[in-house]
Amino acid sequence: MKLWSVALVLLLVSAGVEAEEPIWQPAGGHTQVPLWPGVAPDPQSVPGPESVKSSNKLLAGKPVTNVFNVTRPTMTVYAPTGRNTGAVVVVIPGGGFQILAMDLEGTEACDWLTSNGITCVLLKYRIPSKPYEWRCDCRPHNLALSVPSLQDVQRTMRLVRSHAAEWHVDPHKVGVLGFSAGGFLVAEISTNFNRHLYAPVDAADKESARPDFAMPIYPGHLTVGDGKLNNNLPVSSETPPTFLVQAEDDYVDGVDQSLVYYAALAKARVPAEMHLYARGGHAFGLRPTPDPITGWSRLAEAWLRTIDMLHD
């Protein structure tokens, strides 16, 4: 082969390597585990390969790491530091079903949980997904169940319980924590845990998908307006105890999301605690701010003790 041909081949190979987008990876010592043994059920088309990018906007002096185009959902397990309470929380990042805010609403939440003796299972679920439609960059069914994502949450809950002995967690202390769109998924799994969304694939799918407790933080898609609950969220007496946080100046989803959901929980006599703050906006996560809302995690810790989830 002539020298120029060799050079051209090498150029094309190197260009291909540079064009390949990296997928999100956890920090060293942690491994992503696929949720499904093969292709996930009901595969959806996406606009491109999975990729990771940092936002240009800083929050508390740091960018936000966003993940795009997830077709192979995973979970990453973070063991508690120090004592182990036996509790485990599946963390569901937000991002409007377009992206996943994997650090702000993912790994940083795991850091908080593990420091309190709680095992964290970070979910990387499939996106883009309903109610967002990437082909039109719109939301034609803004209150629809995010079925592919909800399938991933159901599967994760069952996998956690099937691995309870191996991970040294209590299968009766399995909760969910989600932010924004992830908060909607928390409400979805809290009210649709018995809904059959996929055919069982192995023994893990015999386990329950019902959370033992739920924490939707600045959730969206919960209300149709006028004080009415989204019909896709059938709150009942079986809905798990719930902890809600939202700011009155949240103009992305609106404080009425938590208000309407809380009212439905109270009507069904589900133990619930709600904290509303004057300031905080949307997507504050756990990063420190000058506003009182930055202390919401301490209130969540106290609540977890009141429902007997943090006892040694």
C-alpha atoms as a PDB file:
ATOM      1  CA  MET A   1       0.000   0.000   0.000  1.00  0.00           C
ATOM      2  CA  LYS A   2       1.341   3.417  -0.928  1.00  0.00           C
ATOM      3  CA  LEU A   3       2.316   5.815   1.839  1.00  0.00           C
ATOM      4  CA  TRP A   4      -0.474   8.295   1.043  1.00  0.00           C
ATOM      5  CA  SER A   5      -3.050   5.459   1.224  1.00  0.00           C
ATOM      6  CA  VAL A   6      -1.778   4.419   4.646  1.00  0.00           C
ATOM      7  CA  ALA A   7      -1.951   8.021   5.830  1.00  0.00           C
ATOM      8  CA  LEU A   8      -5.528   8.354   4.556  1.00  0.00           C
ATOM      9  CA  VAL A   9      -6.626   5.193   6.367  1.00  0.00           C
ATOM     10  CA  LEU A  10      -5.018   6.356   9.613  1.00  0.00           C
ATOM     11  CA  LEU A  11      -6.669   9.762   9.236  1.00  0.00           C
ATOM     12  CA  LEU A  12     -10.095   8.211   8.771  1.00  0.00           C
ATOM     13  CA  VAL A  13      -9.633   5.872  11.749  1.00  0.00           C
ATOM     14  CA  SER A  14      -8.482   8.699  14.029  1.00  0.00           C
ATOM     15  CA  ALA A  15     -11.356  10.903  12.867  1.00  0.00           C
ATOM     16  CA  GLY A  16     -13.791   8.112  13.705  1.00  0.00           C
ATOM     17  CA  VAL A  17     -12.325   7.743  17.183  1.00  0.00           C
ATOM     18  CA  GLU A  18     -12.546  11.478  17.807  1.00  0.00           C
ATOM     19  CA  ALA A  19     -16.136  11.596  16.543  1.00  0.00           C
ATOM     20  CA  GLU A  20     -17.270   8.847  18.907  1.00  0.00           C
ATOM     21  CA  GLU A  21     -19.092  10.394  21.861  1.00  0.00           C
ATOM     22  CA  PRO A  22     -18.230   9.103  25.355  1.00  0.00           C
ATOM     23  CA  ILE A  23     -20.961   7.549  27.470  1.00  0.00           C
ATOM     24  CA  TRP A  24     -21.393   8.512  31.107  1.00  0.00           C
ATOM     25  CA  GLN A  25     -19.239   6.536  33.514  1.00  0.00           C
ATOM     26  CA  PRO A  26     -19.306   6.586  37.330  1.00  0.00           C
ATOM     27  CA  ALA A  27     -16.236   7.428  39.354  1.00  0.00           C
ATOM     28  CA  GLY A  28     -13.619   4.749  39.915  1.00  0.00           C
ATOM     29  CA  GLY A  29     -14.632   1.832  42.053  1.00  0.00           C
ATOM     30  CA  HIS A  30     -18.215   1.793  40.795  1.00  0.00           C
ATOM     31  CA  THR A  31     -19.646  -0.118  37.864  1.00  0.00           C
ATOM     32  CA  GLN A  32     -22.753   0.412  35.778  1.00  0.00           C
ATOM     33  CA  VAL A  33     -24.950  -2.669  35.652  1.00  0.00           C
ATOM     34  CA  PRO A  34     -27.351  -3.119  32.695  1.00  0.00           C
ATOM     35  CA  LEU A  35     -31.003  -3.249  33.727  1.00  0.00           C
ATOM     36  CA  TRP A  36     -32.012  -5.661  31.015  1.00  0.00           C
ATOM     37  CA  PRO A  37     -30.250  -8.897  29.980  1.00  0.00           C
ATOM     38  CA  GLY A  38     -30.795  -7.991  26.323  1.00  0.00           C
ATOM     39  CA  VAL A  39     -32.427  -5.133  24.466  1.00  0.00           C
ATOM     40  CA  ALA A  40     -34.737  -3.051  26.661  1.00  0.00           C
ATOM     41  CA  PRO A  41     -38.457  -3.543  25.985  1.00  0.00           C
ATOM     42  CA  ASP A  42     -40.242  -1.337  23.464  1.00  0.00           C
ATOM     43  CA  PRO A  43     -37.076   0.264  22.040  1.00  0.00           C
ATOM     44  CA  GLN A  44     -37.510   3.856  20.864  1.00  0.00           C
ATOM     45  CA  SER A  45     -35.566   5.803  18.268  1.00  0.00           C
ATOM     46  CA  VAL A  46     -33.284   8.591  19.492  1.00  0.00           C
ATOM     47  CA  PRO A  47     -31.571  11.448  17.643  1.00  0.00           C
ATOM     48  CA  GLY A  48     -28.014  10.190  18.141  1.00  0.00           C
ATOM     49  CA  PRO A  49     -25.594   8.128  20.241  1.00  0.00           C
ATOM     50  CA  GLU A  50     -25.309   8.499  24.005  1.00  0.00           C
ATOM     51  CA  SER A  51     -23.103  11.429  24.928  1.00  0.00           C
ATOM     52  CA  VAL A  52     -22.003  13.477  27.923  1.00  0.00           C
ATOM     53  CA  LYS A  53     -21.662  17.253  27.980  1.00  0.00           C
ATOM     54  CA  SER A  54     -21.200  19.921  30.631  1.00  0.00           C
ATOM     55  CA  SER A  55     -23.595  22.836  30.670  1.00  0.00           C
ATOM     56  CA  ASN A  56     -22.340  26.370  30.115  1.00  0.00           C
ATOM     57  CA  LYS A  57     -24.427  27.639  33.018  1.00  0.00           C
ATOM     58  CA  LEU A  58     -22.827  27.350  36.457  1.00  0.00           C
ATOM     59  CA  LEU A  59     -24.796  26.392  39.563  1.00  0.00           C
ATOM     60  CA  ALA A  60     -23.106  27.069  42.901  1.00  0.00           C
ATOM     61  CA  GLY A  61     -19.917  27.701  40.916  1.00  0.00           C
ATOM     62  CA  LYS A  62     -19.968  24.368  39.067  1.00  0.00           C
ATOM     63  CA  PRO A  63     -21.310  23.222  35.700  1.00  0.00           C
ATOM     64  CA  VAL A  64     -23.904  20.475  35.432  1.00  0.00           C
ATOM     65  CA  THR A  65     -23.031  17.208  33.697  1.00  0.00           C
ATOM     66  CA  ASN A  66     -25.799  16.224  31.287  1.00  0.00           C
ATOM     67  CA  VAL A  67     -26.274  12.869  29.576  1.00  0.00           C
ATOM     68  CA  PHE A  68     -28.061  12.575  26.222  1.00  0.00           C
ATOM     69  CA  ASN A  69     -29.662   9.730  24.234  1.00  0.00           C
ATOM     70  CA  VAL A  70     -29.711   6.805  26.637  1.00  0.00           C
ATOM     71  CA  THR A  71     -30.852   3.568  24.974  1.00  0.00           C
ATOM     72  CA  ARG A  72     -29.064   1.120  27.289  1.00  0.00           C
ATOM     73  CA  PRO A  73     -30.301   1.921  30.805  1.00  0.00           C
ATOM     74  CA  THR A  74     -28.090   1.071  33.768  1.00  0.00           C
ATOM     75  CA  MET A  75     -27.901   1.291  37.518  1.00  0.00           C
ATOM     76  CA  THR A  76     -24.836   2.061  39.618  1.00  0.00           C
ATOM     77  CA  VAL A  77     -24.673   0.975  43.254  1.00  0.00           C
ATOM     78  CA  TYR A  78     -22.993   3.184  45.882  1.00  0.00           C
ATOM     79  CA  ALA A  79     -22.438   1.543  49.266  1.00  0.00           C
ATOM     80  CA  PRO A  80     -22.965   3.581  52.440  1.00  0.00           C
ATOM     81  CA  THR A  81     -19.933   5.124  54.096  1.00  0.00           C
ATOM     82  CA  GLY A  82     -19.534   4.069  57.716  1.00  0.00           C
ATOM     83  CA  ARG A  83     -22.635   2.517  59.235  1.00  0.00           C
ATOM     84  CA  ASN A  84     -25.238   0.726  57.133  1.00  0.00           C
ATOM     85  CA  THR A  85     -28.854   1.468  58.082  1.00  0.00           C
ATOM     86  CA  GLY A  86     -30.172  -1.151  55.652  1.00  0.00           C
ATOM     87  CA  ALA A  87     -32.117   1.485  53.756  1.00  0.00           C
ATOM     88  CA  VAL A  88     -31.618   1.887  50.001  1.00  0.00           C
ATOM     89  CA  VAL A  89     -32.760   4.682  47.692  1.00  0.00           C
ATOM     90  CA  VAL A  90     -33.103   4.571  43.917  1.00  0.00           C
ATOM     91  CA  VAL A  91     -32.086   8.034  42.680  1.00  0.00           C
ATOM     92  CA  ILE A  92     -33.767   9.298  39.506  1.00  0.00           C
ATOM     93  CA  PRO A  93     -32.180  12.396  37.912  1.00  0.00           C
ATOM     94  CA  GLY A  94     -34.296  14.946  36.087  1.00  0.00           C
ATOM     95  CA  GLY A  95     -33.883  16.663  32.759  1.00  0.00           C
ATOM     96  CA  GLY A  96     -37.322  17.010  31.208  1.00  0.00           C
ATOM     97  CA  PHE A  97     -37.102  13.519  29.650  1.00  0.00           C
ATOM     98  CA  GLN A  98     -34.633  15.095  27.213  1.00  0.00           C
ATOM     99  CA  ILE A  99     -31.391  14.758  29.211  1.00  0.00           C
ATOM    100  CA  LEU A 100     -30.234  13.463  32.595  1.00  0.00           C
ATOM    101  CA  ALA A 101     -28.548  15.796  35.090  1.00  0.00           C
ATOM    102  CA  MET A 102     -26.277  13.015  36.294  1.00  0.00           C
ATOM    103  CA  ASP A 103     -24.232  14.909  38.865  1.00  0.00           C
ATOM    104  CA  LEU A 104     -26.553  17.654  40.148  1.00  0.00           C
ATOM    105  CA  GLU A 105     -29.483  15.268  40.584  1.00  0.00           C
ATOM    106  CA  GLY A 106     -27.609  11.976  40.622  1.00  0.00           C
ATOM    107  CA  THR A 107     -24.131  11.423  42.042  1.00  0.00           C
ATOM    108  CA  GLU A 108     -24.427  14.403  44.407  1.00  0.00           C
ATOM    109  CA  ALA A 109     -27.629  12.922  45.834  1.00  0.00           C
ATOM    110  CA  CYS A 110     -25.800   9.620  46.268  1.00  0.00           C
ATOM    111  CA  ASP A 111     -23.017  11.395  48.180  1.00  0.00           C
ATOM    112  CA  TRP A 112     -25.618  12.740  50.601  1.00  0.00           C
ATOM    113  CA  LEU A 113     -27.422   9.421  51.001  1.00  0.00           C
ATOM    114  CA  THR A 114     -24.334   7.270  51.486  1.00  0.00           C
ATOM    115  CA  SER A 115     -23.001   9.689  54.116  1.00  0.00           C
ATOM    116  CA  ASN A 116     -26.188   8.913  56.076  1.00  0.00           C
ATOM    117  CA  GLY A 117     -25.737   5.161  55.937  1.00  0.00           C
ATOM    118  CA  ILE A 118     -28.062   4.637  52.964  1.00  0.00           C
ATOM    119  CA  THR A 119     -27.186   2.564  49.908  1.00  0.00           C
ATOM    120  CA  CYS A 120     -27.739   4.576  46.738  1.00  0.00           C
ATOM    121  CA  VAL A 121     -28.726   3.064  43.395  1.00  0.00           C
ATOM    122  CA  LEU A 122     -28.288   5.658  40.658  1.00  0.00           C
ATOM    123  CA  LEU A 123     -30.540   5.062  37.670  1.00  0.00           C
ATOM    124  CA  LYS A 124     -29.562   6.043  34.139  1.00  0.00           C
ATOM    125  CA  TYR A 125     -32.903   5.609  32.412  1.00  0.00           C
ATOM    126  CA  ARG A 126     -33.866   5.839  28.765  1.00  0.00           C
ATOM    127  CA  ILE A 127     -34.190   9.280  27.215  1.00  0.00           C
ATOM    128  CA  PRO A 128     -35.476  11.052  25.231  1.00  0.00           C
ATOM    129  CA  SER A 129     -38.843   9.664  26.201  1.00  0.00           C
ATOM    130  CA  LYS A 130     -42.467  10.651  26.580  1.00  0.00           C
ATOM    131  CA  PRO A 131     -43.903  13.098  27.382  1.00  0.00           C
ATOM    132  CA  TYR A 132     -41.126  14.832  25.401  1.00  0.00           C
ATOM    133  CA  GLU A 133     -40.954  14.141  21.657  1.00  0.00           C
ATOM    134  CA  TRP A 134     -37.541  14.810  20.150  1.00  0.00           C
ATOM    135  CA  ARG A 135     -38.734  14.800  16.512  1.00  0.00           C
ATOM    136  CA  CYS A 136     -40.716  17.996  17.063  1.00  0.00           C
ATOM    137  CA  ASP A 137     -38.855  19.240  20.174  1.00  0.00           C
ATOM    138  CA  CYS A 138     -42.248  19.510  21.837  1.00  0.00           C
ATOM    139  CA  ARG A 139     -44.543  17.872  24.390  1.00  0.00           C
ATOM    140  CA  PRO A 140     -47.731  16.810  22.618  1.00  0.00           C
ATOM    141  CA  HIS A 141     -48.833  14.675  25.589  1.00  0.00           C
ATOM    142  CA  ASN A 142     -47.352  16.529  28.541  1.00  0.00           C
ATOM    143  CA  LEU A 143     -49.215  14.441  31.130  1.00  0.00           C
ATOM    144  CA  ALA A 144     -48.582  11.031  29.540  1.00  0.00           C
ATOM    145  CA  LEU A 145     -46.788   8.293  31.416  1.00  0.00           C
ATOM    146  CA  SER A 146     -43.141   8.097  30.405  1.00  0.00           C
ATOM    147  CA  VAL A 147     -43.500   4.396  29.675  1.00  0.00           C
ATOM    148  CA  PRO A 148     -39.907   3.440  28.666  1.00  0.00           C
ATOM    149  CA  SER A 149     -38.520   5.337  31.661  1.00  0.00           C
ATOM    150  CA  LEU A 150     -41.135   3.872  33.983  1.00  0.00           C
ATOM    151  CA  GLN A 151     -40.304   0.376  32.739  1.00  0.00           C
ATOM    152  CA  ASP A 152     -36.708   1.094  33.759  1.00  0.00           C
ATOM    153  CA  VAL A 153     -37.786   2.264  37.226  1.00  0.00           C
ATOM    154  CA  GLN A 154     -39.986  -0.788  37.780  1.00  0.00           C
ATOM    155  CA  ARG A 155     -37.151  -3.063  36.714  1.00  0.00           C
ATOM    156  CA  THR A 156     -34.681  -1.277  39.007  1.00  0.00           C
ATOM    157  CA  MET A 157     -36.936  -1.612  42.048  1.00  0.00           C
ATOM    158  CA  ARG A 158     -37.267  -5.343  41.409  1.00  0.00           C
ATOM    159  CA  LEU A 159     -33.548  -5.806  40.837  1.00  0.00           C
ATOM    160  CA  VAL A 160     -32.744  -4.014  44.098  1.00  0.00           C
ATOM    161  CA  ARG A 161     -34.988  -6.353  46.064  1.00  0.00           C
ATOM    162  CA  SER A 162     -33.601  -9.405  44.276  1.00  0.00           C
ATOM    163  CA  HIS A 163     -30.060  -8.349  45.305  1.00  0.00           C
ATOM    164  CA  ALA A 164     -30.988  -7.283  48.856  1.00  0.00           C
ATOM    165  CA  ALA A 165     -28.968  -9.976  50.626  1.00  0.00           C
ATOM    166  CA  GLU A 166     -25.933  -9.456  48.396  1.00  0.00           C
ATOM    167  CA  TRP A 167     -25.988  -5.677  48.880  1.00  0.00           C
ATOM    168  CA  HIS A 168     -26.774  -5.893  52.621  1.00  0.00           C
ATOM    169  CA  VAL A 169     -29.990  -3.899  52.340  1.00  0.00           C
ATOM    170  CA  ASP A 170     -33.469  -4.419  53.750  1.00  0.00           C
ATOM    171  CA  PRO A 171     -35.987  -5.289  51.002  1.00  0.00           C
ATOM    172  CA  HIS A 172     -38.621  -3.495  53.100  1.00  0.00           C
ATOM    173  CA  LYS A 173     -36.638  -0.240  53.129  1.00  0.00           C
ATOM    174  CA  VAL A 174     -36.439   0.492  49.404  1.00  0.00           C
ATOM    175  CA  GLY A 175     -37.256   4.097  48.514  1.00  0.00           C
ATOM    176  CA  VAL A 176     -37.139   6.424  45.532  1.00  0.00           C
ATOM    177  CA  LEU A 177     -35.820   9.974  45.220  1.00  0.00           C
ATOM    178  CA  GLY A 178     -36.294  11.986  42.035  1.00  0.00           C
ATOM    179  CA  PHE A 179     -35.873  15.554  40.842  1.00  0.00           C
ATOM    180  CA  SER A 180     -38.090  17.412  38.357  1.00  0.00           C
ATOM    181  CA  ALA A 181     -38.897  14.848  35.618  1.00  0.00           C
ATOM    182  CA  GLY A 182     -37.402  12.304  38.005  1.00  0.00           C
ATOM    183  CA  GLY A 183     -39.938  13.543  40.561  1.00  0.00           C
ATOM    184  CA  PHE A 184     -42.688  12.692  38.094  1.00  0.00           C
ATOM    185  CA  LEU A 185     -41.197   9.212  37.789  1.00  0.00           C
ATOM    186  CA  VAL A 186     -41.269   8.951  41.593  1.00  0.00           C
ATOM    187  CA  ALA A 187     -45.006   9.727  41.514  1.00  0.00           C
ATOM    188  CA  GLU A 188     -45.469   7.315  38.594  1.00  0.00           C
ATOM    189  CA  ILE A 189     -43.816   4.376  40.364  1.00  0.00           C
ATOM    190  CA  SER A 190     -45.629   5.289  43.608  1.00  0.00           C
ATOM    191  CA  THR A 191     -49.023   4.948  41.895  1.00  0.00           C
ATOM    192  CA  ASN A 192     -48.341   2.517  39.007  1.00  0.00           C
ATOM    193  CA  PHE A 193     -46.104  -0.076  40.696  1.00  0.00           C
ATOM    194  CA  ASN A 194     -48.551  -2.911  39.938  1.00  0.00           C
ATOM    195  CA  ARG A 195     -49.108  -1.916  36.319  1.00  0.00           C
ATOM    196  CA  HIS A 196     -47.750  -4.543  33.920  1.00  0.00           C
ATOM    197  CA  LEU A 197     -45.594  -2.564  31.485  1.00  0.00           C
ATOM    198  CA  TYR A 198     -43.287  -5.324  30.252  1.00  0.00           C
ATOM    199  CA  ALA A 199     -43.114  -9.097  30.082  1.00  0.00           C
ATOM    200  CA  PRO A 200     -41.037 -10.660  32.895  1.00  0.00           C
ATOM    201  CA  VAL A 201     -37.496 -11.444  31.786  1.00  0.00           C
ATOM    202  CA  ASP A 202     -36.103 -13.349  34.785  1.00  0.00           C
ATOM    203  CA  ALA A 203     -36.686 -14.233  38.442  1.00  0.00           C
ATOM    204  CA  ALA A 204     -36.088 -10.638  39.583  1.00  0.00           C
ATOM    205  CA  ASP A 205     -39.381  -9.640  37.993  1.00  0.00           C
ATOM    206  CA  LYS A 206     -41.247 -11.651  40.604  1.00  0.00           C
ATOM    207  CA  GLU A 207     -40.268  -8.991  43.158  1.00  0.00           C
ATOM    208  CA  SER A 208     -42.458  -6.009  44.050  1.00  0.00           C
ATOM    209  CA  ALA A 209     -41.833  -2.667  42.328  1.00  0.00           C
ATOM    210  CA  ARG A 210     -43.605  -0.675  45.066  1.00  0.00           C
ATOM    211  CA  PRO A 211     -41.414   1.861  46.891  1.00  0.00           C
ATOM    212  CA  ASP A 212     -41.509   1.787  50.678  1.00  0.00           C
ATOM    213  CA  PHE A 213     -41.100   5.576  50.697  1.00  0.00           C
ATOM    214  CA  ALA A 214     -40.899   8.317  48.081  1.00  0.00           C
ATOM    215  CA  MET A 215     -39.276  11.732  47.733  1.00  0.00           C
ATOM    216  CA  PRO A 216     -40.348  13.810  44.710  1.00  0.00           C
ATOM    217  CA  ILE A 217     -38.268  17.017  44.699  1.00  0.00           C
ATOM    218  CA  TYR A 218     -39.587  19.942  42.576  1.00  0.00           C
ATOM    219  CA  PRO A 219     -41.653  17.462  40.525  1.00  0.00           C
ATOM    220  CA  GLY A 220     -43.486  18.201  37.288  1.00  0.00           C
ATOM    221  CA  HIS A 221     -46.401  16.770  35.271  1.00  0.00           C
ATOM    222  CA  LEU A 222     -48.463  16.024  38.394  1.00  0.00           C
ATOM    223  CA  THR A 223     -51.363  18.395  37.793  1.00  0.00           C
ATOM    224  CA  VAL A 224     -53.595  19.376  34.887  1.00  0.00           C
ATOM    225  CA  GLY A 225     -54.237  22.738  36.555  1.00  0.00           C
ATOM    226  CA  ASP A 226     -57.249  24.053  38.504  1.00  0.00           C
ATOM    227  CA  GLY A 227     -56.283  21.894  41.446  1.00  0.00           C
ATOM    228  CA  LYS A 228     -56.771  18.629  39.555  1.00  0.00           C
ATOM    229  CA  LEU A 229     -54.405  15.664  39.651  1.00  0.00           C
ATOM    230  CA  ASN A 230     -52.970  14.060  36.517  1.00  0.00           C
ATOM    231  CA  ASN A 231     -55.265  11.084  35.852  1.00  0.00           C
ATOM    232  CA  ASN A 232     -52.237   8.911  35.130  1.00  0.00           C
ATOM    233  CA  LEU A 233     -51.320   9.048  38.831  1.00  0.00           C
ATOM    234  CA  PRO A 234     -53.976   6.990  40.650  1.00  0.00           C
ATOM    235  CA  VAL A 235     -53.124   7.856  44.256  1.00  0.00           C
ATOM    236  CA  SER A 236     -54.507   5.303  46.704  1.00  0.00           C
ATOM    237  CA  SER A 237     -54.005   4.085  50.246  1.00  0.00           C
ATOM    238  CA  GLU A 238     -51.201   1.870  48.862  1.00  0.00           C
ATOM    239  CA  THR A 239     -49.176   4.883  47.706  1.00  0.00           C
ATOM    240  CA  PRO A 240     -46.046   4.999  49.900  1.00  0.00           C
ATOM    241  CA  PRO A 241     -45.255   7.694  52.503  1.00  0.00           C
ATOM    242  CA  THR A 242     -44.064  10.754  50.622  1.00  0.00           C
ATOM    243  CA  PHE A 243     -41.785  13.763  51.231  1.00  0.00           C
ATOM    244  CA  LEU A 244     -42.218  16.784  48.924  1.00  0.00           C
ATOM    245  CA  VAL A 245     -40.078  19.900  48.396  1.00  0.00           C
ATOM    246  CA  GLN A 246     -40.720  22.822  46.062  1.00  0.00           C
ATOM    247  CA  ALA A 247     -40.153  26.576  45.819  1.00  0.00           C
ATOM    248  CA  GLU A 248     -42.921  29.124  45.219  1.00  0.00           C
ATOM    249  CA  ASP A 249     -40.739  30.840  42.618  1.00  0.00           C
ATOM    250  CA  ASP A 250     -40.351  27.628  40.615  1.00  0.00           C
ATOM    251  CA  TYR A 251     -41.613  28.868  37.261  1.00  0.00           C
ATOM    252  CA  VAL A 252     -40.593  25.731  35.374  1.00  0.00           C
ATOM    253  CA  ASP A 253     -43.027  23.282  36.956  1.00  0.00           C
ATOM    254  CA  GLY A 254     -44.812  25.438  39.517  1.00  0.00           C
ATOM    255  CA  VAL A 255     -45.525  24.976  43.193  1.00  0.00           C
ATOM    256  CA  ASP A 256     -49.024  23.700  42.375  1.00  0.00           C
ATOM    257  CA  GLN A 257     -47.425  20.400  41.335  1.00  0.00           C
ATOM    258  CA  SER A 258     -46.599  19.556  44.941  1.00  0.00           C
ATOM    259  CA  LEU A 259     -49.755  21.154  46.328  1.00  0.00           C
ATOM    260  CA  VAL A 260     -52.089  19.065  44.175  1.00  0.00           C
ATOM    261  CA  TYR A 261     -50.187  15.838  44.778  1.00  0.00           C
ATOM    262  CA  TYR A 262     -50.063  16.472  48.530  1.00  0.00           C
ATOM    263  CA  ALA A 263     -53.827  17.077  48.600  1.00  0.00           C
ATOM    264  CA  ALA A 264     -54.402  13.773  46.801  1.00  0.00           C
ATOM    265  CA  LEU A 265     -52.131  11.968  49.276  1.00  0.00           C
ATOM    266  CA  ALA A 266     -53.953  13.522  52.220  1.00  0.00           C
ATOM    267  CA  LYS A 267     -57.334  12.522  50.774  1.00  0.00           C
ATOM    268  CA  ALA A 268     -56.110   8.926  50.470  1.00  0.00           C
ATOM    269  CA  ARG A 269     -54.709   9.140  54.023  1.00  0.00           C
ATOM    270  CA  VAL A 270     -51.171   8.501  52.857  1.00  0.00           C
ATOM    271  CA  PRO A 271     -48.595   9.849  55.375  1.00  0.00           C
ATOM    272  CA  ALA A 272     -47.003  12.833  53.659  1.00  0.00           C
ATOM    273  CA  GLU A 273     -44.810  15.779  54.523  1.00  0.00           C
ATOM    274  CA  MET A 274     -44.449  18.850  52.294  1.00  0.00           C
ATOM    275  CA  HIS A 275     -41.993  21.743  52.528  1.00  0.00           C
ATOM    276  CA  LEU A 276     -42.562  24.872  50.463  1.00  0.00           C
ATOM    277  CA  TYR A 277     -40.099  27.749  50.308  1.00  0.00           C
ATOM    278  CA  ALA A 278     -40.478  31.308  49.052  1.00  0.00           C
ATOM    279  CA  ARG A 279     -37.258  31.159  47.072  1.00  0.00           C
ATOM    280  CA  GLY A 280     -35.228  28.480  45.373  1.00  0.00           C
ATOM    281  CA  GLY A 281     -36.393  28.336  41.779  1.00  0.00           C
ATOM    282  CA  HIS A 282     -36.013  25.057  39.936  1.00  0.00           C
ATOM    283  CA  ALA A 283     -33.231  22.477  39.695  1.00  0.00           C
ATOM    284  CA  PHE A 284     -31.309  23.452  42.833  1.00  0.00           C
ATOM    285  CA  GLY A 285     -30.407  19.875  43.772  1.00  0.00           C
ATOM    286  CA  LEU A 286     -28.305  19.708  46.917  1.00  0.00           C
ATOM    287  CA  ARG A 287     -25.815  22.415  46.019  1.00  0.00           C
ATOM    288  CA  PRO A 288     -25.470  25.126  48.691  1.00  0.00           C
ATOM    289  CA  THR A 289     -27.264  28.429  48.160  1.00  0.00           C
ATOM    290  CA  PRO A 290     -27.912  31.458  50.420  1.00  0.00           C
ATOM    291  CA  ASP A 291     -31.627  30.534  50.570  1.00  0.00           C
ATOM    292  CA  PRO A 292     -33.228  28.457  53.343  1.00  0.00           C
ATOM    293  CA  ILE A 293     -34.276  25.822  50.800  1.00  0.00           C
ATOM    294  CA  THR A 294     -30.669  24.630  50.738  1.00  0.00           C
ATOM    295  CA  GLY A 295     -31.379  22.868  54.047  1.00  0.00           C
ATOM    296  CA  TRP A 296     -34.124  20.614  52.703  1.00  0.00           C
ATOM    297  CA  SER A 297     -31.942  17.498  52.955  1.00  0.00           C
ATOM    298  CA  ARG A 298     -31.710  17.839  56.746  1.00  0.00           C
ATOM    299  CA  LEU A 299     -35.506  17.865  56.917  1.00  0.00           C
ATOM    300  CA  ALA A 300     -35.557  14.778  54.708  1.00  0.00           C
ATOM    301  CA  GLU A 301     -33.177  13.011  57.111  1.00  0.00           C
ATOM    302  CA  ALA A 302     -35.489  13.826  60.033  1.00  0.00           C
ATOM    303  CA  TRP A 303     -38.490  12.553  58.048  1.00  0.00           C
ATOM    304  CA  LEU A 304     -36.715   9.297  57.220  1.00  0.00           C
ATOM    305  CA  ARG A 305     -36.211   8.762  60.936  1.00  0.00           C
ATOM    306  CA  THR A 306     -39.890   9.407  61.681  1.00  0.00           C
ATOM    307  CA  ILE A 307     -40.887   6.652  59.242  1.00  0.00           C
ATOM    308  CA  ASP A 308     -38.304   4.261  60.761  1.00  0.00           C
ATOM    309  CA  MET A 309     -36.020   4.067  57.728  1.00  0.00           C
ATOM    310  CA  LEU A 310     -32.795   5.267  59.356  1.00  0.00           C
ATOM    311  CA  HIS A 311     -32.703   3.140  62.485  1.00  0.00           C
ATOM    312  CA  ASP A 312     -29.545   1.045  62.807  1.00  0.00           C
END
